[in-house]
Amino acid sequence: MTSDPIPDPARLTAWVHGDVQGVGFRWWTRSRALELGLAGSATNTVDRRVLVVAEGPSAACGRLLELLASGGTPGRVDNVVASWGAPRGGLDGFVER
């Protein structure tokens, strides 16, 4: 079984499941993403997940993904489902939605 290589730069899309709303998770994610030089957003969804979209160097996106799943976040992360793609551009900074 082969997997496609992660493009560089990359676009990370991560669905974070758990107790991640109302606990400062999006603010924490934004802070980590900006430290890593990434652009994108962290958005609450109606089903209580947080959707994280980040673009930048693939190594930095990979590090953000590691941090999201690390157990060192606000709240409780049960699962992170991620996908990778080529950056689409048009992102300015990193915002909470």
Protein backbone atom coordinates (compact mmCIF):
# COMPACT_ATOMS: atom_id res chain seq x y z
CA MET A 1 0.00 0.00 0.00
CA THR A 2 1.44 3.38 -0.98
CA SER A 3 0.42 6.81 0.13
CA ASP A 4 0.74 10.03 -1.80
CA PRO A 5 3.58 12.26 -0.67
CA ILE A 6 2.62 15.37 1.26
CA PRO A 7 3.09 18.42 -0.96
CA ASP A 8 5.41 21.21 0.16
CA PRO A 9 3.99 23.73 0.81
CA ALA A 10 0.86 21.94 2.03
CA ARG A 11 -2.72 22.39 3.14
CA LEU A 12 -3.71 20.50 6.27
CA THR A 13 -7.39 19.94 7.00
CA ALA A 14 -7.97 18.45 10.46
CA TRP A 15 -11.28 17.60 12.14
CA VAL A 16 -10.72 17.57 15.91
CA HIS A 17 -13.18 15.47 17.94
CA GLY A 18 -13.67 15.66 21.71
CA ASP A 19 -14.43 18.31 24.29
CA VAL A 20 -12.89 21.14 22.25
CA GLN A 21 -15.45 23.96 22.30
CA GLY A 22 -15.71 26.58 25.02
CA VAL A 23 -12.30 25.67 26.47
CA GLY A 24 -9.89 27.98 24.57
CA PHE A 25 -9.00 25.34 21.98
CA ARG A 26 -9.32 27.62 18.93
CA TRP A 27 -7.23 30.36 20.62
CA TRP A 28 -4.57 27.79 21.54
CA THR A 29 -4.58 26.40 17.97
CA ARG A 30 -4.26 29.90 16.52
CA SER A 31 -1.28 30.64 18.80
CA ARG A 32 0.52 27.42 17.81
CA ALA A 33 -0.20 27.98 14.11
CA LEU A 34 1.16 31.54 14.20
CA GLU A 35 4.28 30.36 16.04
CA LEU A 36 4.79 27.88 13.18
CA GLY A 37 4.25 30.54 10.49
CA LEU A 38 1.02 29.02 9.18
CA ALA A 39 -2.06 30.71 7.70
CA GLY A 40 -5.59 29.39 8.08
CA SER A 41 -8.43 29.05 10.56
CA ALA A 42 -9.90 27.13 13.47
CA THR A 43 -13.69 26.92 13.27
CA ASN A 44 -16.30 25.55 15.69
CA THR A 45 -18.84 23.30 13.99
CA VAL A 46 -22.44 22.62 15.02
CA ASP A 47 -21.59 19.01 15.90
CA ARG A 48 -19.07 20.21 18.56
CA ARG A 49 -15.92 19.48 16.52
CA VAL A 50 -13.30 22.04 15.52
CA LEU A 51 -12.22 22.25 11.89
CA VAL A 52 -8.60 23.34 11.51
CA VAL A 53 -7.31 24.42 8.09
CA ALA A 54 -3.65 25.40 7.86
CA GLU A 55 -1.37 26.21 4.94
CA GLY A 56 2.39 26.57 4.87
CA PRO A 57 5.52 24.45 4.90
CA SER A 58 4.61 20.77 5.17
CA ALA A 59 6.91 20.28 8.19
CA ALA A 60 5.13 23.09 10.06
CA CYS A 61 1.71 21.69 9.16
CA GLY A 62 2.87 18.28 10.37
CA ARG A 63 4.04 19.77 13.64
CA LEU A 64 0.66 21.47 14.13
CA LEU A 65 -1.05 18.13 13.55
CA GLU A 66 1.21 16.52 16.17
CA LEU A 67 0.35 19.28 18.64
CA LEU A 68 -3.40 18.91 18.00
CA ALA A 69 -3.19 15.21 18.89
CA SER A 70 -0.64 15.58 21.70
CA GLY A 71 -2.91 15.68 24.73
CA GLY A 72 -1.43 19.06 25.66
CA THR A 73 -4.35 21.08 24.30
CA PRO A 74 -7.11 22.83 26.22
CA GLY A 75 -10.12 20.57 26.66
CA ARG A 76 -9.95 16.93 25.63
CA VAL A 77 -9.07 15.65 22.16
CA ASP A 78 -10.43 12.17 21.47
CA ASN A 79 -9.50 11.91 17.79
CA VAL A 80 -8.05 13.96 14.96
CA VAL A 81 -8.94 13.08 11.37
CA ALA A 82 -6.60 14.78 8.91
CA SER A 83 -6.19 15.11 5.18
CA TRP A 84 -3.48 16.73 3.10
CA GLY A 85 -3.51 18.63 -0.15
CA ALA A 86 -1.90 21.38 -2.14
CA PRO A 87 -2.36 24.89 -0.75
CA ARG A 88 -5.19 26.92 -2.25
CA GLY A 89 -3.91 30.31 -1.10
CA GLY A 90 -6.04 33.32 -0.27
CA LEU A 91 -5.49 32.92 3.49
CA ASP A 92 -4.32 35.88 5.53
CA GLY A 93 -3.06 35.18 9.04
CA PHE A 94 -4.75 32.59 11.23
CA VAL A 95 -8.27 33.30 12.45
CA GLU A 96 -10.74 31.84 14.94
CA ARG A 97 -14.26 31.38 13.66
